[in-house]
Amino acid sequence: MCNHRKKAKGVTRRDVLRYGAAGATTLALMGPMGSNLLPEASGAIATQSHLTFINLFGGNDGVNTVIPVMPGVIDTYNQRRPDIRIDPIADNAPPLADPVTQEVKYVLHPTMTNIGRLYNDGDVAIVNLVGYPNRNLSHFTSGDIWSRGVRGSFTDLGMRPSGWINRYLDVYAPRPTGAISVGLSRRRDFTGGVTNPLVVSSASNFRFDTDNRFRDNSAYRLEIARQIAQSGVNTGATNDAQVSMDQAHSLIDATQAAIDDYDNNFQGAAYTNDRPSRYMRDIARMIHGGFDTRVFYTGYGGFDTHGDQGASEETGRHGRLLKRLDDAIASFEADMKAMGVWNNTCIVVISEFGRRNFENGSDGTDHGHGNCVFVIGGGVTGGVFGPDLTSELLEENWLPGPVDFRDVYREVLTGHLGVTDFSTIFPEPQENPPQTLGLFA
């Protein structure tokens, strides 16, 4: 004889033990959050100014991204890179005319036609020779320097290690959705502060996982977890776990609503299926869904081009990688303009270092230092900024980095987000005094 048990009504202790861990993944992701830090997504298109960082992991070759064509300089460039050089005319490379003089000192890689168009519209600023004092050619160390915004020792500063984005959030946007990382693990930019920003592999995958052993129970399990969380919130008998779980459910709901709203009610741009395009589409979905985010962060790899770098999309992987960047930015631009927020948008393209000035024996380039940074958006002052590349500089092993990357960060934060106090964001005195480049009017 079977012993049938009557199903309990409401939330039982057994439910708590069996289903209460439904929010574990998100709790680990979000961490404890105060009750005043509820995620905000209005449902209306977000109109606050926002930054999107795209990190080209591996060390992008800036010399073949922004190619010098000044008389004499291009001769040195051709001599140093006989097999991977870009021919500005034969390869139909987009020219970068000076906005005032119309002189063309540089061209873009031939695959970057959309960014070239945006440059002609006055919406692209390119900063040459960006780096930091005392170069380091390690991917990990250099990446950490860019992520932390500190070149030296945190011990000397009397503070624990942290990322510069988290230090910005703690002062200016102390909430989980103040900054969102898409498609990446939790980088050092997002660590060490009080605020615990959101990190998702993709917006569409930001949900509670289904338990493969009890697929039919998934919906019930999630509802139980929601009741557990909300019971304490509604009665005032809360703890960090309950608050975090309740907020996690709310944030998942907001994210899925943003995806549905974008996919069903907005004629979004056509994105490719490459990683940068998928990530930028997720960011566009969140902006369309009204997320109160000030900083988005994403990126993709493959730029460690020691071999098979090539000179075009057809002859090497560097061109294919840059084409993915160009496609992603073009689609994102179209979405932002359709939403009416292009002037509130700023995209910053970075990489941990540049490459050698000369090609190696494998049709590639090895690790270098100084590099170019792109700043793109409707409020940007277009042009090429920073010191010019010269024959003397190209004769060296790698380019120097006299423009400190933190100067670019400061100017973007000031010109686009209105930040005025950098004492906690960039606490380390720089060897070279901070300089103003003029990236914003």
Protein backbone atom coordinates (compact mmCIF):
# COMPACT_ATOMS: atom_id res chain seq x y z
CA MET A 1 0.00 0.00 0.00
CA CYS A 2 1.32 3.37 -0.95
CA ASN A 3 1.63 5.98 1.73
CA HIS A 4 0.52 9.20 0.04
CA ARG A 5 1.51 12.37 1.86
CA LYS A 6 -0.69 15.37 1.74
CA LYS A 7 1.00 18.34 0.06
CA ALA A 8 1.68 21.10 2.56
CA LYS A 9 0.28 24.54 1.97
CA GLY A 10 2.57 27.55 1.97
CA VAL A 11 6.26 27.38 2.83
CA THR A 12 7.37 24.47 5.00
CA ARG A 13 10.69 23.77 6.69
CA ARG A 14 11.26 20.99 4.17
CA ASP A 15 10.70 23.49 1.35
CA VAL A 16 13.28 25.76 2.89
CA LEU A 17 15.84 22.95 3.10
CA ARG A 18 15.07 21.56 -0.34
CA TYR A 19 14.52 24.72 -2.36
CA GLY A 20 16.10 27.50 -0.37
CA ALA A 21 19.39 27.23 -2.26
CA ALA A 22 17.74 28.26 -5.52
CA GLY A 23 19.31 31.68 -5.19
CA ALA A 24 22.79 30.48 -4.32
CA THR A 25 24.34 31.30 -7.67
CA THR A 26 22.98 34.80 -7.71
CA LEU A 27 23.81 35.37 -4.05
CA ALA A 28 27.40 34.45 -4.76
CA LEU A 29 27.34 36.75 -7.74
CA MET A 30 25.74 39.71 -6.03
CA GLY A 31 27.00 39.39 -2.47
CA PRO A 32 25.30 41.12 0.49
CA MET A 33 23.52 44.33 -0.43
CA GLY A 34 21.84 46.90 1.73
CA SER A 35 18.09 47.38 1.49
CA ASN A 36 18.65 50.83 -0.02
CA LEU A 37 20.44 49.30 -2.99
CA LEU A 38 17.50 47.74 -4.79
CA PRO A 39 18.17 47.36 -8.51
CA GLU A 40 16.56 50.03 -10.62
CA ALA A 41 15.23 49.49 -14.13
CA SER A 42 12.49 51.92 -15.01
CA GLY A 43 11.30 50.21 -18.17
CA ALA A 44 11.75 53.46 -20.07
CA ILE A 45 14.88 54.03 -22.15
CA ALA A 46 17.75 55.08 -19.88
CA THR A 47 18.75 58.66 -20.66
CA GLN A 48 21.59 59.14 -18.19
CA SER A 49 25.09 59.39 -19.64
CA HIS A 50 26.80 56.02 -19.72
CA LEU A 51 30.23 54.64 -20.59
CA THR A 52 30.91 51.35 -22.35
CA PHE A 53 34.44 49.95 -22.19
CA ILE A 54 35.51 47.40 -24.80
CA ASN A 55 38.76 45.67 -23.89
CA LEU A 56 40.71 44.05 -26.74
CA PHE A 57 42.43 41.30 -24.74
CA GLY A 58 45.88 40.14 -25.78
CA GLY A 59 47.45 43.45 -26.76
CA ASN A 60 46.02 45.02 -29.89
CA ASP A 61 48.53 46.10 -32.55
CA GLY A 62 47.90 49.85 -32.55
CA VAL A 63 50.41 50.53 -35.32
CA ASN A 64 48.31 48.48 -37.76
CA THR A 65 45.08 49.89 -36.34
CA VAL A 66 45.93 53.60 -36.72
CA ILE A 67 48.59 53.69 -39.42
CA PRO A 68 50.89 56.73 -39.82
CA VAL A 69 51.11 57.98 -43.42
CA MET A 70 53.13 61.20 -43.00
CA PRO A 71 56.01 61.61 -45.49
CA GLY A 72 59.05 59.76 -44.24
CA VAL A 73 57.18 58.09 -41.40
CA ILE A 74 55.32 55.76 -43.73
CA ASP A 75 58.65 54.72 -45.26
CA THR A 76 59.93 53.63 -41.85
CA TYR A 77 56.62 51.86 -41.19
CA ASN A 78 56.91 49.95 -44.49
CA GLN A 79 60.51 48.97 -43.79
CA ARG A 80 59.71 47.62 -40.35
CA ARG A 81 56.64 45.67 -41.50
CA PRO A 82 57.27 44.49 -45.07
CA ASP A 83 54.80 41.56 -44.97
CA ILE A 84 52.04 42.85 -42.67
CA ARG A 85 51.99 46.53 -43.65
CA ILE A 86 48.81 48.30 -44.70
CA ASP A 87 48.90 50.10 -48.05
CA PRO A 88 46.64 53.14 -47.50
CA ILE A 89 45.64 53.40 -51.18
CA ALA A 90 45.67 49.81 -52.43
CA ASP A 91 43.93 48.57 -49.27
CA ASN A 92 41.40 51.42 -49.31
CA ALA A 93 42.15 52.38 -45.71
CA PRO A 94 39.75 55.01 -44.25
CA PRO A 95 41.61 58.36 -43.97
CA LEU A 96 41.61 60.32 -40.72
CA ALA A 97 41.62 63.94 -41.84
CA ASP A 98 42.38 66.57 -39.19
CA PRO A 99 39.05 68.28 -38.40
CA VAL A 100 40.64 71.74 -38.75
CA THR A 101 43.44 71.49 -41.31
CA GLN A 102 42.09 68.46 -43.23
CA GLU A 103 45.62 67.07 -43.28
CA VAL A 104 45.69 63.27 -43.33
CA LYS A 105 48.42 61.96 -41.02
CA TYR A 106 46.83 58.60 -40.30
CA VAL A 107 44.51 56.01 -41.81
CA LEU A 108 42.50 53.26 -40.14
CA HIS A 109 42.80 49.57 -40.75
CA PRO A 110 40.78 48.81 -43.92
CA THR A 111 38.21 46.72 -42.02
CA MET A 112 37.19 49.68 -39.81
CA THR A 113 34.93 51.42 -42.29
CA ASN A 114 32.12 52.20 -39.83
CA ILE A 115 34.49 53.71 -37.28
CA GLY A 116 35.99 55.69 -40.16
CA ARG A 117 32.53 57.00 -41.01
CA LEU A 118 31.96 57.96 -37.38
CA TYR A 119 35.33 59.73 -37.37
CA ASN A 120 34.22 61.80 -40.37
CA ASP A 121 31.05 62.66 -38.43
CA GLY A 122 33.23 64.06 -35.63
CA ASP A 123 32.27 61.28 -33.19
CA VAL A 124 35.64 59.53 -32.77
CA ALA A 125 38.66 60.68 -30.79
CA ILE A 126 41.85 58.63 -31.07
CA VAL A 127 44.58 59.07 -28.48
CA ASN A 128 48.10 58.04 -29.50
CA LEU A 129 50.91 56.68 -27.32
CA VAL A 130 48.83 55.74 -24.28
CA GLY A 131 50.56 53.71 -21.57
CA TYR A 132 51.94 54.06 -18.04
CA PRO A 133 55.33 54.61 -16.37
CA ASN A 134 57.84 51.74 -16.27
CA ARG A 135 56.35 49.50 -18.94
CA ASN A 136 55.57 45.85 -18.26
CA LEU A 137 55.21 43.40 -21.16
CA SER A 138 53.24 40.77 -19.21
CA HIS A 139 49.59 40.39 -20.20
CA PHE A 140 48.57 39.75 -16.60
CA THR A 141 50.56 42.50 -14.94
CA SER A 142 49.74 45.12 -17.56
CA GLY A 143 46.07 44.15 -17.53
CA ASP A 144 46.01 44.47 -13.75
CA ILE A 145 47.53 47.96 -13.95
CA TRP A 146 44.81 49.12 -16.34
CA SER A 147 42.14 47.45 -14.18
CA ARG A 148 43.31 48.81 -10.86
CA GLY A 149 44.31 52.28 -12.01
CA VAL A 150 47.41 52.05 -9.82
CA ARG A 151 50.92 51.54 -11.20
CA GLY A 152 52.74 51.05 -7.91
CA SER A 153 51.90 49.50 -4.55
CA PHE A 154 48.59 49.65 -2.71
CA THR A 155 50.56 49.12 0.50
CA ASP A 156 52.38 52.40 -0.09
CA LEU A 157 48.98 54.05 -0.54
CA GLY A 158 47.74 52.60 2.76
CA MET A 159 44.76 50.87 1.16
CA ARG A 160 43.75 47.39 0.11
CA PRO A 161 43.83 46.46 -3.60
CA SER A 162 40.75 47.41 -5.59
CA GLY A 163 39.63 48.15 -9.11
CA TRP A 164 39.20 51.72 -10.32
CA ILE A 165 35.61 51.06 -11.43
CA ASN A 166 34.66 49.85 -7.98
CA ARG A 167 36.26 52.92 -6.42
CA TYR A 168 34.20 55.09 -8.80
CA LEU A 169 31.02 53.19 -7.89
CA ASP A 170 31.54 53.53 -4.15
CA VAL A 171 31.37 57.31 -4.48
CA TYR A 172 29.19 58.01 -7.51
CA ALA A 173 26.96 54.99 -8.16
CA PRO A 174 26.84 52.70 -5.07
CA ARG A 175 24.36 50.11 -6.33
CA PRO A 176 24.62 46.68 -8.00
CA THR A 177 23.56 48.04 -11.38
CA GLY A 178 25.83 51.10 -11.22
CA ALA A 179 28.28 49.09 -13.34
CA ILE A 180 27.61 45.90 -15.28
CA SER A 181 30.16 43.57 -16.84
CA VAL A 182 28.86 41.57 -19.82
CA GLY A 183 30.48 38.43 -21.23
CA LEU A 184 33.44 38.42 -18.84
CA SER A 185 34.34 37.00 -15.47
CA ARG A 186 34.76 39.35 -12.53
CA ARG A 187 37.80 41.36 -13.59
CA ARG A 188 39.93 43.30 -11.14
CA ASP A 189 38.21 46.53 -12.25
CA PHE A 190 35.14 45.24 -10.35
CA THR A 191 36.78 44.06 -7.12
CA GLY A 192 37.79 45.40 -3.73
CA GLY A 193 35.24 48.12 -3.12
CA VAL A 194 32.13 48.26 -0.97
CA THR A 195 29.79 48.10 -3.96
CA ASN A 196 29.30 44.69 -5.58
CA PRO A 197 28.48 45.35 -9.24
CA LEU A 198 26.70 42.93 -11.53
CA VAL A 199 28.67 40.46 -13.66
CA VAL A 200 26.79 38.40 -16.26
CA SER A 201 27.97 36.07 -19.02
CA SER A 202 25.05 37.33 -21.10
CA ALA A 203 21.78 39.06 -20.36
CA SER A 204 19.67 36.22 -21.76
CA ASN A 205 21.49 33.68 -19.55
CA PHE A 206 21.11 35.76 -16.40
CA ARG A 207 18.52 33.59 -14.67
CA PHE A 208 18.27 30.80 -12.13
CA ASP A 209 19.50 27.54 -13.59
CA THR A 210 17.12 24.64 -13.98
CA ASP A 211 17.90 21.64 -11.81
CA ASN A 212 18.28 18.81 -14.35
CA ARG A 213 17.28 16.25 -11.72
CA PHE A 214 13.96 17.95 -10.96
CA ARG A 215 13.01 19.83 -14.12
CA ASP A 216 9.29 19.72 -13.33
CA ASN A 217 9.93 21.32 -9.94
CA SER A 218 11.96 24.31 -11.19
CA ALA A 219 9.11 26.82 -11.30
CA TYR A 220 7.81 25.69 -7.91
CA ARG A 221 11.31 25.80 -6.42
CA LEU A 222 11.89 29.37 -7.61
CA GLU A 223 8.54 30.46 -6.25
CA ILE A 224 9.40 28.93 -2.88
CA ALA A 225 12.75 30.75 -2.87
CA ARG A 226 10.96 33.99 -3.73
CA GLN A 227 8.50 33.48 -0.86
CA ILE A 228 11.35 32.76 1.54
CA ALA A 229 13.09 35.96 0.58
CA GLN A 230 10.02 38.14 0.56
CA SER A 231 8.63 36.81 3.84
CA GLY A 232 11.43 38.43 5.78
CA VAL A 233 11.39 41.61 3.67
CA ASN A 234 7.64 42.04 4.13
CA THR A 235 7.73 41.49 7.89
CA GLY A 236 10.87 43.46 8.53
CA ALA A 237 12.65 40.39 9.91
CA THR A 238 15.38 40.46 7.31
CA ASN A 239 18.97 39.38 7.03
CA ASP A 240 21.58 39.88 4.34
CA ALA A 241 20.77 36.58 2.64
CA GLN A 242 17.04 37.33 2.45
CA VAL A 243 17.59 40.83 1.14
CA SER A 244 20.14 39.65 -1.41
CA MET A 245 17.89 36.83 -2.59
CA ASP A 246 14.92 39.15 -2.95
CA GLN A 247 17.01 41.64 -4.88
CA ALA A 248 18.44 38.88 -7.05
CA HIS A 249 14.94 37.80 -8.05
CA SER A 250 13.99 41.40 -8.75
CA LEU A 251 17.09 41.96 -10.87
CA ILE A 252 16.52 38.77 -12.86
CA ASP A 253 12.93 39.84 -13.49
CA ALA A 254 14.10 43.29 -14.62
CA THR A 255 16.73 41.79 -16.91
CA GLN A 256 14.33 39.38 -18.56
CA ALA A 257 11.74 42.17 -18.93
CA ALA A 258 14.37 44.34 -20.62
CA ILE A 259 15.21 41.54 -23.06
CA ASP A 260 11.55 40.92 -23.87
CA ASP A 261 10.83 44.62 -24.30
CA TYR A 262 13.80 45.12 -26.64
CA ASP A 263 13.15 41.95 -28.65
CA ASN A 264 9.39 42.45 -28.97
CA ASN A 265 8.81 46.20 -28.98
CA PHE A 266 11.89 47.76 -30.54
CA GLN A 267 13.20 47.59 -34.07
CA GLY A 268 16.73 46.91 -32.94
CA ALA A 269 19.77 46.96 -35.19
CA ALA A 270 21.07 43.80 -36.86
CA TYR A 271 23.97 42.40 -34.86
CA THR A 272 26.30 39.66 -36.01
CA ASN A 273 26.69 36.50 -33.94
CA ASP A 274 30.29 37.36 -33.00
CA ARG A 275 31.01 37.83 -29.31
CA PRO A 276 31.47 41.61 -29.28
CA SER A 277 28.20 42.10 -31.17
CA ARG A 278 26.30 39.77 -28.84
CA TYR A 279 27.67 41.60 -25.81
CA MET A 280 26.89 45.04 -27.21
CA ARG A 281 23.34 43.92 -28.02
CA ASP A 282 22.92 42.87 -24.38
CA ILE A 283 24.11 46.31 -23.29
CA ALA A 284 21.64 47.93 -25.71
CA ARG A 285 18.86 45.78 -24.21
CA MET A 286 19.67 47.04 -20.72
CA ILE A 287 19.76 50.66 -21.85
CA HIS A 288 16.44 50.19 -23.62
CA GLY A 289 15.05 48.57 -20.46
CA GLY A 290 15.92 51.61 -18.34
CA PHE A 291 18.78 50.25 -16.25
CA ASP A 292 20.38 52.98 -14.13
CA THR A 293 23.88 51.88 -15.17
CA ARG A 294 26.70 54.37 -15.60
CA VAL A 295 29.49 52.00 -16.67
CA PHE A 296 29.24 48.92 -18.87
CA TYR A 297 32.30 46.74 -19.43
CA THR A 298 32.90 44.05 -22.02
CA GLY A 299 35.60 42.75 -24.33
CA TYR A 300 36.93 39.83 -26.34
CA GLY A 301 40.29 38.21 -26.96
CA GLY A 302 42.54 36.98 -29.73
CA PHE A 303 44.74 40.05 -30.08
CA ASP A 304 47.96 38.34 -29.00
CA THR A 305 49.02 38.14 -32.64
CA HIS A 306 52.48 36.59 -32.49
CA GLY A 307 51.72 34.83 -35.78
CA ASP A 308 49.32 34.96 -38.70
CA GLN A 309 48.52 38.60 -38.01
CA GLY A 310 48.28 39.53 -41.68
CA ALA A 311 47.42 42.85 -43.22
CA SER A 312 43.76 42.39 -44.17
CA GLU A 313 40.64 40.49 -43.22
CA GLU A 314 41.46 37.93 -45.89
CA THR A 315 45.15 37.45 -45.06
CA GLY A 316 45.24 37.39 -41.27
CA ARG A 317 43.33 37.31 -38.02
CA HIS A 318 44.04 40.88 -36.90
CA GLY A 319 41.78 42.23 -39.65
CA ARG A 320 39.05 39.77 -38.76
CA LEU A 321 39.23 40.78 -35.10
CA LEU A 322 38.99 44.48 -35.94
CA LYS A 323 36.08 43.80 -38.29
CA ARG A 324 34.16 42.30 -35.37
CA LEU A 325 34.81 45.46 -33.36
CA ASP A 326 33.70 47.65 -36.26
CA ASP A 327 30.50 45.65 -36.77
CA ALA A 328 29.61 45.69 -33.07
CA ILE A 329 30.10 49.44 -32.73
CA ALA A 330 28.10 50.15 -35.89
CA SER A 331 25.12 48.12 -34.66
CA PHE A 332 25.31 49.65 -31.19
CA GLU A 333 25.51 53.15 -32.71
CA ALA A 334 22.37 52.44 -34.76
CA ASP A 335 20.52 51.29 -31.63
CA MET A 336 21.59 54.28 -29.56
CA LYS A 337 20.55 56.70 -32.30
CA ALA A 338 17.19 54.93 -32.68
CA MET A 339 16.68 55.30 -28.91
CA GLY A 340 17.71 58.96 -29.07
CA VAL A 341 20.62 58.56 -26.64
CA TRP A 342 23.70 58.67 -28.90
CA ASN A 343 24.78 61.96 -27.32
CA ASN A 344 24.59 60.25 -23.90
CA THR A 345 26.74 57.37 -25.13
CA CYS A 346 30.51 57.05 -24.88
CA ILE A 347 32.47 53.97 -25.94
CA VAL A 348 36.11 53.55 -24.88
CA VAL A 349 38.22 50.92 -26.67
CA ILE A 350 41.34 49.83 -24.76
CA SER A 351 43.95 47.06 -24.71
CA GLU A 352 46.58 46.15 -22.11
CA PHE A 353 49.49 47.15 -24.34
CA GLY A 354 50.57 47.62 -27.97
CA ARG A 355 52.94 45.49 -30.04
CA ARG A 356 56.49 45.71 -31.33
CA ASN A 357 57.12 48.19 -34.15
CA PHE A 358 58.61 45.45 -36.33
CA GLU A 359 57.13 42.19 -37.52
CA ASN A 360 58.59 38.87 -36.37
CA GLY A 361 59.40 35.80 -38.45
CA SER A 362 55.85 34.44 -38.17
CA ASP A 363 54.01 37.31 -39.87
CA GLY A 364 53.07 38.64 -36.47
CA THR A 365 54.21 41.07 -33.79
CA ASP A 366 55.40 40.54 -30.23
CA HIS A 367 54.52 42.39 -27.02
CA GLY A 368 55.09 46.13 -26.93
CA HIS A 369 53.94 49.11 -24.89
CA GLY A 370 52.40 52.41 -26.06
CA ASN A 371 49.11 52.09 -27.90
CA CYS A 372 46.08 53.92 -29.27
CA VAL A 373 42.78 54.34 -27.40
CA PHE A 374 39.45 55.06 -29.11
CA VAL A 375 36.80 57.29 -27.51
CA ILE A 376 33.56 57.21 -29.50
CA GLY A 377 30.19 58.91 -29.00
CA GLY A 378 27.88 61.77 -29.83
CA GLY A 379 29.47 64.15 -27.32
CA VAL A 380 33.09 63.48 -28.25
CA THR A 381 35.38 66.05 -29.87
CA GLY A 382 36.68 64.20 -32.90
CA GLY A 383 40.30 64.01 -34.03
CA VAL A 384 43.64 62.39 -33.31
CA PHE A 385 45.14 63.42 -29.96
CA GLY A 386 48.42 62.90 -28.19
CA PRO A 387 51.95 62.94 -29.63
CA ASP A 388 52.43 62.03 -33.27
CA LEU A 389 54.20 58.87 -34.34
CA THR A 390 57.58 59.67 -35.87
CA SER A 391 60.24 57.75 -37.75
CA GLU A 392 62.46 57.94 -34.67
CA LEU A 393 59.77 56.35 -32.51
CA LEU A 394 59.11 53.60 -35.08
CA GLU A 395 62.82 52.79 -35.17
CA GLU A 396 62.61 51.76 -31.52
CA ASN A 397 61.50 48.28 -30.45
CA TRP A 398 58.13 49.55 -29.26
CA LEU A 399 56.28 52.81 -28.85
CA PRO A 400 56.52 54.71 -25.56
CA GLY A 401 53.48 55.55 -23.45
CA PRO A 402 53.86 59.21 -22.45
CA VAL A 403 50.06 59.68 -22.23
CA ASP A 404 49.04 58.01 -18.97
CA PHE A 405 45.92 55.88 -19.43
CA ARG A 406 44.49 57.42 -16.27
CA ASP A 407 44.51 60.81 -18.01
CA VAL A 408 42.21 59.33 -20.65
CA TYR A 409 40.01 57.81 -17.94
CA ARG A 410 39.86 61.10 -16.04
CA GLU A 411 38.89 63.04 -19.10
CA VAL A 412 36.17 60.57 -20.04
CA LEU A 413 34.78 60.56 -16.49
CA THR A 414 34.89 64.36 -16.31
CA GLY A 415 33.66 65.14 -19.80
CA HIS A 416 30.96 62.49 -19.99
CA LEU A 417 29.92 61.63 -16.42
CA GLY A 418 30.71 64.94 -14.69
CA VAL A 419 33.18 63.54 -12.14
CA THR A 420 35.31 66.24 -10.51
CA ASP A 421 37.02 64.54 -7.54
CA PHE A 422 39.52 61.79 -8.38
CA SER A 423 41.23 61.53 -5.00
CA THR A 424 39.73 58.10 -4.29
CA ILE A 425 39.34 56.86 -7.87
CA PHE A 426 43.00 57.41 -8.80
CA PRO A 427 44.78 57.90 -5.47
CA GLU A 428 48.33 57.37 -6.74
CA PRO A 429 50.50 60.39 -7.64
CA GLN A 430 51.61 60.12 -11.28
CA GLU A 431 55.21 60.48 -12.38
CA ASN A 432 54.03 62.84 -15.11
CA PRO A 433 51.53 65.52 -14.11
CA PRO A 434 48.01 64.75 -15.39
CA GLN A 435 47.34 66.32 -18.77
CA THR A 436 44.16 67.46 -20.49
CA LEU A 437 43.75 66.18 -24.03
CA GLY A 438 40.57 67.97 -25.15
CA LEU A 439 38.40 64.92 -25.86
CA PHE A 440 35.21 66.77 -24.93
CA ALA A 441 34.14 70.32 -25.65
